[in-house]
Amino acid sequence: MTSTIDSEQNIDSSEIQRRTIRRTDWVPCNSAFIDCRTPGSDKKENYAFVGPGVSQNPNQYVNLTEPHGFNTGAAGMPNGISNNLHLHFTAEVFINLGGEFRLRWGADGKQGEYIAKDGDIISVPTWIFRGFTNEGPDEGILYTVLGRDDTGGIIWGPSVLREAESYGLYLTADNRLIDTVAGDELPEGVALIKPMQQHFIDELTTYTPEQMRSRVVQPGDRIYSQHALLCNALPGGRAELSLVIGYGMSEDRRQVPPIHEPHSFNLAWLRAVPGEGVLRHRHDRPQVVLVKSGRWALTLNGDASTTLELGPSDSFSVPANSWREFRCLEGGEAAATPGTGELLVINPGDDRVRLEWAPEVAAAAHDAGWVIDPNGYVAPTAVMEGAAEDD
């Protein structure tokens, strides 16, 4: 395929280090939200990896602040601790990295419930109240992807705001948390957030458990394509792709995502056995990859000297226009498919992501009988070059 990328982005070692977010780099904030003193919600840990997310604490640590078109973070909490009911304006997607969480929704939390298990991905609709409780091990983690660079903050359920006031916590209209117990003073001339009026709550869309289940992709729901990428025809490039949200970077013209409502980002699973992965390619958008299971090597710039290894819960932000190559080093026995490595891939945008393959990859795929057609999908070389012959 002809390149539409104007410039090549090489990444030096310091930039690679800056964009690598290992599990050991996670920095929790225990006072990110207005319910941080509410009993049953006072032991939450909020993490912001790419972008600030919806944290209401100006001291929230953010690993990587530059805009990506989406935000990533995580919620950690001991067994029995809850994240109270709140409403988002942009997409909120949960990826269960291990554990068991009870998700509930509706203004009173009684409209429906779903028990999230390891490997589930749940896309919660915008403009509905949602909350969740850890009912599994203390180390359970929900990784989150939020739509757009500016999420607009959140709206808390009326009872959450009222209870927070009894603990000296207030929220300003510009989404700043005021902690009078810690010595903050209520600002003069600045409006405080008031509970959402009931008639607006009554107008919110309702979702049945069956409707919400259609927005969940469990490990057993994944449909992997062995022909999703041009490099699938070549040794070392046989990773399989399973779409979750949006069409993303699939080059399989028959692959359809289970969730295709606009989110401002697309999301897919990659799986591979050791020694296989995705050969050298690039595209014109930033990209975040997160290791779910196994160990992976990421080679950047087309240079083996710029290879880093990532393990479970490690992530990396690949800059736009940068060459990258993914290779599974070690499978994970806890993977949805034991013995494979699993990688979550997130790209900004609701449209398809058009890949540019390295010249040597495109040439080898051509010789193996495959090229990319004008619509960006894998097609037989013989057909595209008019060389097909009748039997």
Protein backbone atom coordinates (compact mmCIF):
# COMPACT_ATOMS: atom_id res chain seq x y z
CA MET A 1 0.00 0.00 0.00
CA THR A 2 1.19 3.52 -0.73
CA SER A 3 2.25 5.46 2.36
CA THR A 4 0.09 8.37 3.49
CA ILE A 5 2.47 9.17 6.35
CA ASP A 6 4.46 12.33 5.74
CA SER A 7 7.18 11.94 8.35
CA GLU A 8 8.96 9.14 10.14
CA GLN A 9 9.18 9.28 13.93
CA ASN A 10 12.19 7.61 15.54
CA ILE A 11 12.08 7.15 19.30
CA ASP A 12 15.23 7.51 21.38
CA SER A 13 15.90 5.59 24.59
CA SER A 14 14.77 8.38 26.91
CA GLU A 15 11.48 8.71 25.04
CA ILE A 16 10.95 4.96 25.15
CA GLN A 17 11.44 5.04 28.91
CA ARG A 18 9.04 7.97 29.29
CA ARG A 19 6.31 6.19 27.33
CA THR A 20 6.70 2.86 29.15
CA ILE A 21 4.25 2.42 32.03
CA ARG A 22 5.09 -0.71 33.97
CA ARG A 23 2.93 -2.15 36.73
CA THR A 24 5.60 -0.98 39.16
CA ASP A 25 5.13 2.60 37.85
CA TRP A 26 1.49 2.79 38.94
CA VAL A 27 0.94 5.59 41.48
CA PRO A 28 -2.39 5.45 43.36
CA CYS A 29 -4.46 8.38 44.50
CA ASN A 30 -6.68 7.67 47.49
CA SER A 31 -8.55 10.98 47.34
CA ALA A 32 -9.35 11.30 43.64
CA PHE A 33 -13.11 11.68 44.11
CA ILE A 34 -15.66 13.30 46.34
CA ASP A 35 -16.68 10.01 47.98
CA CYS A 36 -13.15 9.34 49.33
CA ARG A 37 -14.37 9.52 52.97
CA THR A 38 -17.68 7.76 52.52
CA PRO A 39 -17.62 4.45 54.45
CA GLY A 40 -17.41 1.58 51.99
CA SER A 41 -15.75 3.81 49.39
CA ASP A 42 -12.88 5.21 51.44
CA LYS A 43 -10.25 2.67 50.37
CA LYS A 44 -10.37 3.17 46.63
CA GLU A 45 -7.22 3.66 44.61
CA ASN A 46 -7.42 5.61 41.36
CA TYR A 47 -4.72 5.47 38.69
CA ALA A 48 -4.27 7.79 35.70
CA PHE A 49 -1.90 6.47 33.03
CA VAL A 50 -2.60 8.39 29.83
CA GLY A 51 -4.39 11.68 30.52
CA PRO A 52 -6.01 12.73 33.82
CA GLY A 53 -9.24 10.85 33.20
CA VAL A 54 -12.00 12.12 35.47
CA SER A 55 -9.97 12.57 38.66
CA GLN A 56 -11.15 15.52 40.74
CA ASN A 57 -7.88 15.85 42.64
CA PRO A 58 -5.32 18.27 41.13
CA ASN A 59 -2.57 16.22 42.80
CA GLN A 60 -3.48 13.04 40.92
CA TYR A 61 -0.30 11.58 39.41
CA VAL A 62 -0.53 11.07 35.63
CA ASN A 63 2.12 8.89 33.97
CA LEU A 64 1.74 10.40 30.49
CA THR A 65 -0.09 13.69 30.04
CA GLU A 66 0.06 14.26 26.28
CA PRO A 67 -3.26 13.94 24.38
CA HIS A 68 -4.02 10.60 22.73
CA GLY A 69 -7.69 11.09 21.85
CA PHE A 70 -8.64 8.97 24.87
CA ASN A 71 -7.62 8.47 28.52
CA THR A 72 -6.48 5.28 30.26
CA GLY A 73 -6.41 4.50 33.96
CA ALA A 74 -7.44 1.91 36.50
CA ALA A 75 -9.48 1.43 39.65
CA GLY A 76 -8.21 -0.72 42.48
CA MET A 77 -10.03 -1.44 45.72
CA PRO A 78 -10.10 -4.11 48.42
CA ASN A 79 -12.88 -6.66 48.59
CA GLY A 80 -16.19 -5.07 49.58
CA ILE A 81 -15.23 -1.52 48.60
CA SER A 82 -17.41 0.32 46.09
CA ASN A 83 -17.14 3.09 43.57
CA ASN A 84 -20.36 5.06 44.03
CA LEU A 85 -22.93 5.90 41.38
CA HIS A 86 -21.81 8.51 38.87
CA LEU A 87 -22.48 9.53 35.26
CA HIS A 88 -20.00 10.02 32.37
CA PHE A 89 -20.44 12.19 29.27
CA THR A 90 -17.95 10.25 27.14
CA ALA A 91 -17.36 6.54 26.72
CA GLU A 92 -16.23 4.52 29.73
CA VAL A 93 -14.90 1.04 29.05
CA PHE A 94 -13.80 -1.41 31.74
CA ILE A 95 -11.23 -4.15 31.10
CA ASN A 96 -11.15 -6.67 33.94
CA LEU A 97 -7.48 -7.52 34.54
CA GLY A 98 -8.34 -10.03 37.24
CA GLY A 99 -10.93 -10.38 39.98
CA GLU A 100 -14.69 -10.09 40.25
CA PHE A 101 -16.64 -6.85 40.23
CA ARG A 102 -20.38 -6.24 40.51
CA LEU A 103 -21.37 -3.45 38.11
CA ARG A 104 -24.72 -1.78 38.78
CA TRP A 105 -26.51 1.02 36.96
CA GLY A 106 -29.49 3.37 37.16
CA ALA A 107 -30.03 6.43 39.37
CA ASP A 108 -30.56 4.17 42.40
CA GLY A 109 -28.28 1.38 41.19
CA LYS A 110 -31.22 -1.00 40.86
CA GLN A 111 -31.86 -0.85 37.12
CA GLY A 112 -29.56 -3.82 36.54
CA GLU A 113 -26.38 -5.62 37.55
CA TYR A 114 -23.57 -7.50 35.83
CA ILE A 115 -20.80 -9.56 37.46
CA ALA A 116 -17.54 -8.83 35.62
CA LYS A 117 -14.98 -11.65 35.52
CA ASP A 118 -11.33 -11.81 34.43
CA GLY A 119 -10.92 -10.80 30.77
CA ASP A 120 -14.33 -9.17 30.38
CA ILE A 121 -14.62 -5.87 28.54
CA ILE A 122 -17.68 -3.75 29.35
CA SER A 123 -18.67 -0.59 27.49
CA VAL A 124 -20.98 1.42 29.72
CA PRO A 125 -23.36 3.78 27.88
CA THR A 126 -22.87 7.51 28.34
CA TRP A 127 -25.38 9.50 30.38
CA ILE A 128 -26.36 6.74 32.79
CA PHE A 129 -25.40 6.37 36.44
CA ARG A 130 -23.06 3.48 37.16
CA GLY A 131 -21.05 2.13 40.10
CA PHE A 132 -19.18 -1.05 40.97
CA THR A 133 -18.05 -3.12 43.95
CA ASN A 134 -15.09 -5.48 44.29
CA GLU A 135 -16.49 -8.87 45.25
CA GLY A 136 -13.27 -10.74 44.50
CA PRO A 137 -9.66 -10.65 45.70
CA ASP A 138 -8.20 -7.44 47.13
CA GLU A 139 -5.79 -7.15 44.19
CA GLY A 140 -8.58 -7.05 41.59
CA ILE A 141 -8.09 -4.32 38.99
CA LEU A 142 -10.44 -2.68 36.50
CA TYR A 143 -8.46 -1.00 33.73
CA THR A 144 -10.39 1.88 32.16
CA VAL A 145 -10.45 3.62 28.80
CA LEU A 146 -12.34 6.92 28.64
CA GLY A 147 -13.39 8.63 25.44
CA ARG A 148 -11.81 11.88 24.18
CA ASP A 149 -9.02 14.00 25.66
CA ASP A 150 -11.48 16.16 27.60
CA THR A 151 -14.00 13.88 29.32
CA GLY A 152 -15.98 16.76 30.82
CA GLY A 153 -15.75 15.25 34.31
CA ILE A 154 -18.59 13.32 35.91
CA ILE A 155 -21.92 13.85 37.66
CA TRP A 156 -22.33 12.13 41.01
CA GLY A 157 -25.57 10.61 42.21
CA PRO A 158 -27.51 13.01 44.48
CA SER A 159 -27.05 10.87 47.60
CA VAL A 160 -23.27 10.72 47.02
CA LEU A 161 -22.95 14.52 47.00
CA ARG A 162 -25.10 14.92 50.11
CA GLU A 163 -23.13 12.35 52.07
CA ALA A 164 -19.81 13.85 50.96
CA GLU A 165 -20.84 17.24 52.41
CA SER A 166 -21.22 15.60 55.81
CA TYR A 167 -17.50 14.70 55.58
CA GLY A 168 -16.43 18.21 54.56
CA LEU A 169 -16.04 17.52 50.84
CA TYR A 170 -17.43 19.74 48.09
CA LEU A 171 -17.08 19.87 44.31
CA THR A 172 -16.84 23.12 42.36
CA ALA A 173 -18.51 23.66 39.01
CA ASP A 174 -15.08 23.50 37.35
CA ASN A 175 -14.54 19.99 38.81
CA ARG A 176 -12.21 20.88 41.73
CA LEU A 177 -12.45 18.88 44.94
CA ILE A 178 -12.58 21.10 48.05
CA ASP A 179 -11.61 19.34 51.30
CA THR A 180 -12.49 21.55 54.24
CA VAL A 181 -11.28 18.92 56.73
CA ALA A 182 -7.80 19.16 55.17
CA GLY A 183 -7.89 22.96 55.46
CA ASP A 184 -9.32 23.98 52.07
CA GLU A 185 -11.65 26.96 52.12
CA LEU A 186 -14.78 27.17 50.04
CA PRO A 187 -13.93 29.62 47.26
CA GLU A 188 -15.89 32.84 47.09
CA GLY A 189 -17.82 33.51 43.93
CA VAL A 190 -17.35 29.95 42.63
CA ALA A 191 -20.44 27.78 42.19
CA LEU A 192 -20.57 24.38 43.83
CA ILE A 193 -22.01 21.32 42.11
CA LYS A 194 -25.55 20.62 43.24
CA PRO A 195 -27.39 17.30 42.94
CA MET A 196 -28.91 16.61 39.52
CA GLN A 197 -32.58 17.59 39.48
CA GLN A 198 -35.01 14.70 39.56
CA HIS A 199 -36.81 15.60 36.35
CA PHE A 200 -33.50 15.34 34.46
CA ILE A 201 -32.78 12.01 36.13
CA ASP A 202 -36.20 10.76 35.04
CA GLU A 203 -35.32 11.55 31.41
CA LEU A 204 -32.16 9.39 31.36
CA THR A 205 -32.17 6.30 29.14
CA THR A 206 -32.82 2.98 30.85
CA TYR A 207 -30.96 -0.24 30.06
CA THR A 208 -32.10 -3.77 30.80
CA PRO A 209 -29.59 -6.45 31.83
CA GLU A 210 -30.04 -7.99 28.37
CA GLN A 211 -29.21 -4.69 26.67
CA MET A 212 -26.14 -4.23 28.85
CA ARG A 213 -24.98 -7.77 28.11
CA SER A 214 -24.80 -6.81 24.42
CA ARG A 215 -22.17 -4.26 25.46
CA VAL A 216 -20.02 -6.89 27.19
CA VAL A 217 -17.37 -8.97 25.40
CA GLN A 218 -16.40 -11.95 27.52
CA PRO A 219 -13.39 -14.14 26.68
CA GLY A 220 -15.77 -16.72 25.23
CA ASP A 221 -17.32 -14.08 22.94
CA ARG A 222 -14.06 -13.20 21.18
CA ILE A 223 -13.85 -14.07 17.50
CA TYR A 224 -10.27 -14.13 16.26
CA SER A 225 -9.29 -13.74 12.63
CA GLN A 226 -6.21 -15.51 11.27
CA HIS A 227 -6.29 -13.19 8.24
CA ALA A 228 -6.72 -9.81 9.93
CA LEU A 229 -3.28 -8.48 8.99
CA LEU A 230 -1.12 -8.66 5.89
CA CYS A 231 1.75 -10.19 7.86
CA ASN A 232 -0.38 -13.20 8.85
CA ALA A 233 0.98 -14.96 5.75
CA LEU A 234 4.56 -14.80 7.09
CA PRO A 235 6.54 -16.57 9.84
CA GLY A 236 6.70 -14.40 12.93
CA GLY A 237 3.63 -12.42 11.88
CA ARG A 238 0.84 -14.83 12.70
CA ALA A 239 -0.80 -13.01 15.59
CA GLU A 240 -4.60 -13.26 15.57
CA LEU A 241 -6.83 -10.20 16.02
CA SER A 242 -10.21 -10.07 17.76
CA LEU A 243 -12.15 -6.82 17.41
CA VAL A 244 -14.01 -5.50 20.45
CA ILE A 245 -14.88 -1.84 19.80
CA GLY A 246 -14.75 -0.45 16.27
CA TYR A 247 -13.11 -1.77 13.11
CA GLY A 248 -9.69 -0.53 14.18
CA MET A 249 -6.73 -1.84 12.25
CA SER A 250 -8.22 -5.07 10.91
CA GLU A 251 -7.45 -5.77 7.25
CA ASP A 252 -9.95 -8.64 7.10
CA ARG A 253 -12.88 -7.33 5.05
CA ARG A 254 -15.29 -9.75 6.74
CA GLN A 255 -14.32 -8.97 10.34
CA VAL A 256 -17.04 -7.10 12.24
CA PRO A 257 -16.73 -5.71 15.80
CA PRO A 258 -19.34 -6.71 18.39
CA ILE A 259 -19.49 -3.06 19.56
CA HIS A 260 -19.42 -0.42 16.82
CA GLU A 261 -21.06 2.60 18.46
CA PRO A 262 -18.67 5.60 18.31
CA HIS A 263 -16.36 5.78 21.34
CA SER A 264 -13.61 8.14 20.00
CA PHE A 265 -11.27 5.12 20.11
CA ASN A 266 -11.13 1.52 18.91
CA LEU A 267 -10.01 -1.48 20.90
CA ALA A 268 -9.01 -5.05 20.00
CA TRP A 269 -7.27 -8.13 21.38
CA LEU A 270 -4.13 -9.58 19.82
CA ARG A 271 -3.07 -13.09 20.72
CA ALA A 272 -0.03 -15.08 19.65
CA VAL A 273 1.99 -18.12 20.58
CA PRO A 274 5.64 -17.55 21.49
CA GLY A 275 7.68 -16.52 18.45
CA GLU A 276 4.70 -15.03 16.61
CA GLY A 277 3.31 -11.49 16.60
CA VAL A 278 2.87 -8.54 14.24
CA LEU A 279 5.69 -7.64 11.85
CA ARG A 280 6.99 -4.12 11.25
CA HIS A 281 4.34 -1.52 10.47
CA ARG A 282 3.25 2.00 11.39
CA HIS A 283 0.29 4.35 11.17
CA ASP A 284 -0.43 8.02 11.72
CA ARG A 285 -1.99 7.85 15.19
CA PRO A 286 -0.73 7.33 18.73
CA GLN A 287 -1.39 3.86 20.08
CA VAL A 288 -1.46 2.29 23.54
CA VAL A 289 -0.73 -1.42 24.01
CA LEU A 290 -1.39 -3.22 27.30
CA VAL A 291 -0.15 -6.72 28.13
CA LYS A 292 -2.90 -8.93 29.57
CA SER A 293 -0.95 -12.19 29.68
CA GLY A 294 2.46 -13.57 28.82
CA ARG A 295 5.52 -11.52 27.91
CA TRP A 296 5.93 -9.43 24.77
CA ALA A 297 8.79 -7.73 22.96
CA LEU A 298 8.17 -4.39 21.24
CA THR A 299 10.74 -3.39 18.67
CA LEU A 300 10.69 0.27 17.62
CA ASN A 301 12.30 2.18 14.75
CA GLY A 302 12.94 -1.11 12.95
CA ASP A 303 16.04 -1.49 15.11
CA ALA A 304 16.58 -4.48 17.40
CA SER A 305 18.56 -2.24 19.77
CA THR A 306 15.33 -0.40 20.62
CA THR A 307 13.43 -3.42 21.87
CA LEU A 308 11.72 -3.48 25.24
CA GLU A 309 10.04 -6.33 27.06
CA LEU A 310 6.65 -5.96 28.72
CA GLY A 311 4.87 -8.25 31.16
CA PRO A 312 1.33 -8.46 32.57
CA SER A 313 -0.29 -5.04 33.21
CA ASP A 314 2.64 -3.19 31.60
CA SER A 315 1.71 -0.75 28.84
CA PHE A 316 3.43 1.38 26.23
CA SER A 317 2.38 4.43 24.23
CA VAL A 318 3.63 4.26 20.64
CA PRO A 319 3.92 7.69 19.00
CA ALA A 320 2.20 8.35 15.69
CA ASN A 321 4.25 7.56 12.56
CA SER A 322 6.63 5.24 14.44
CA TRP A 323 7.63 1.83 13.17
CA ARG A 324 6.68 -0.90 15.61
CA GLU A 325 6.79 -4.69 15.78
CA PHE A 326 5.17 -6.94 18.41
CA ARG A 327 6.40 -10.44 19.26
CA CYS A 328 5.15 -12.82 21.93
CA LEU A 329 8.04 -14.12 24.02
CA GLU A 330 6.11 -16.23 26.48
CA GLY A 331 2.51 -17.38 26.74
CA GLY A 332 0.41 -17.06 29.87
CA GLU A 333 -1.27 -20.04 31.48
CA ALA A 334 -3.98 -17.72 32.82
CA ALA A 335 -4.74 -16.45 29.31
CA ALA A 336 -8.18 -17.01 27.79
CA THR A 337 -6.34 -19.38 25.43
CA PRO A 338 -3.67 -20.99 27.65
CA GLY A 339 -0.16 -20.82 26.26
CA THR A 340 -0.75 -17.64 24.26
CA GLY A 341 0.20 -14.09 25.04
CA GLU A 342 -2.60 -11.51 25.00
CA LEU A 343 -2.15 -7.88 24.09
CA LEU A 344 -4.82 -5.16 24.19
CA VAL A 345 -4.43 -2.57 21.43
CA ILE A 346 -6.08 0.88 21.64
CA ASN A 347 -6.06 3.47 18.83
CA PRO A 348 -7.84 6.85 18.71
CA GLY A 349 -10.67 7.51 16.28
CA ASP A 350 -13.94 5.92 15.25
CA ASP A 351 -12.83 5.23 11.68
CA ARG A 352 -10.56 2.46 10.42
CA VAL A 353 -6.83 2.65 11.08
CA ARG A 354 -4.88 2.23 7.83
CA LEU A 355 -1.54 0.50 8.32
CA GLU A 356 1.63 1.03 6.35
CA TRP A 357 3.72 -2.14 6.21
CA ALA A 358 7.50 -2.04 6.10
CA PRO A 359 8.80 -2.62 2.54
CA GLU A 360 10.30 -6.00 3.39
CA VAL A 361 7.02 -7.18 4.95
CA ALA A 362 4.94 -6.03 1.97
CA ALA A 363 7.38 -7.67 -0.47
CA ALA A 364 7.43 -10.99 1.41
CA ALA A 365 3.63 -11.03 1.69
CA HIS A 366 3.39 -10.31 -2.04
CA ASP A 367 5.63 -13.29 -2.77
CA ALA A 368 3.49 -15.40 -0.45
CA GLY A 369 0.42 -14.44 -2.48
CA TRP A 370 -1.14 -11.55 -0.58
CA VAL A 371 -1.40 -7.76 -1.01
CA ILE A 372 -3.59 -4.92 0.26
CA ASP A 373 -6.45 -3.90 -2.03
CA PRO A 374 -7.47 -0.24 -2.65
CA ASN A 375 -9.97 -0.46 0.20
CA GLY A 376 -7.27 -1.45 2.68
CA TYR A 377 -8.05 -5.16 2.96
CA VAL A 378 -5.98 -8.30 2.40
CA ALA A 379 -6.52 -9.77 -1.08
CA PRO A 380 -4.86 -12.42 -3.31
CA THR A 381 -1.91 -11.08 -5.30
CA ALA A 382 -2.99 -13.02 -8.38
CA VAL A 383 -6.43 -11.44 -8.42
CA MET A 384 -5.16 -7.92 -7.82
CA GLU A 385 -2.53 -8.20 -10.56
CA GLY A 386 -4.93 -9.76 -13.02
CA ALA A 387 -2.88 -12.94 -13.21
CA ALA A 388 -5.57 -15.40 -12.14
CA GLU A 389 -6.12 -18.21 -14.63
CA ASP A 390 -9.00 -20.57 -15.08
CA ASP A 391 -8.47 -24.09 -13.80
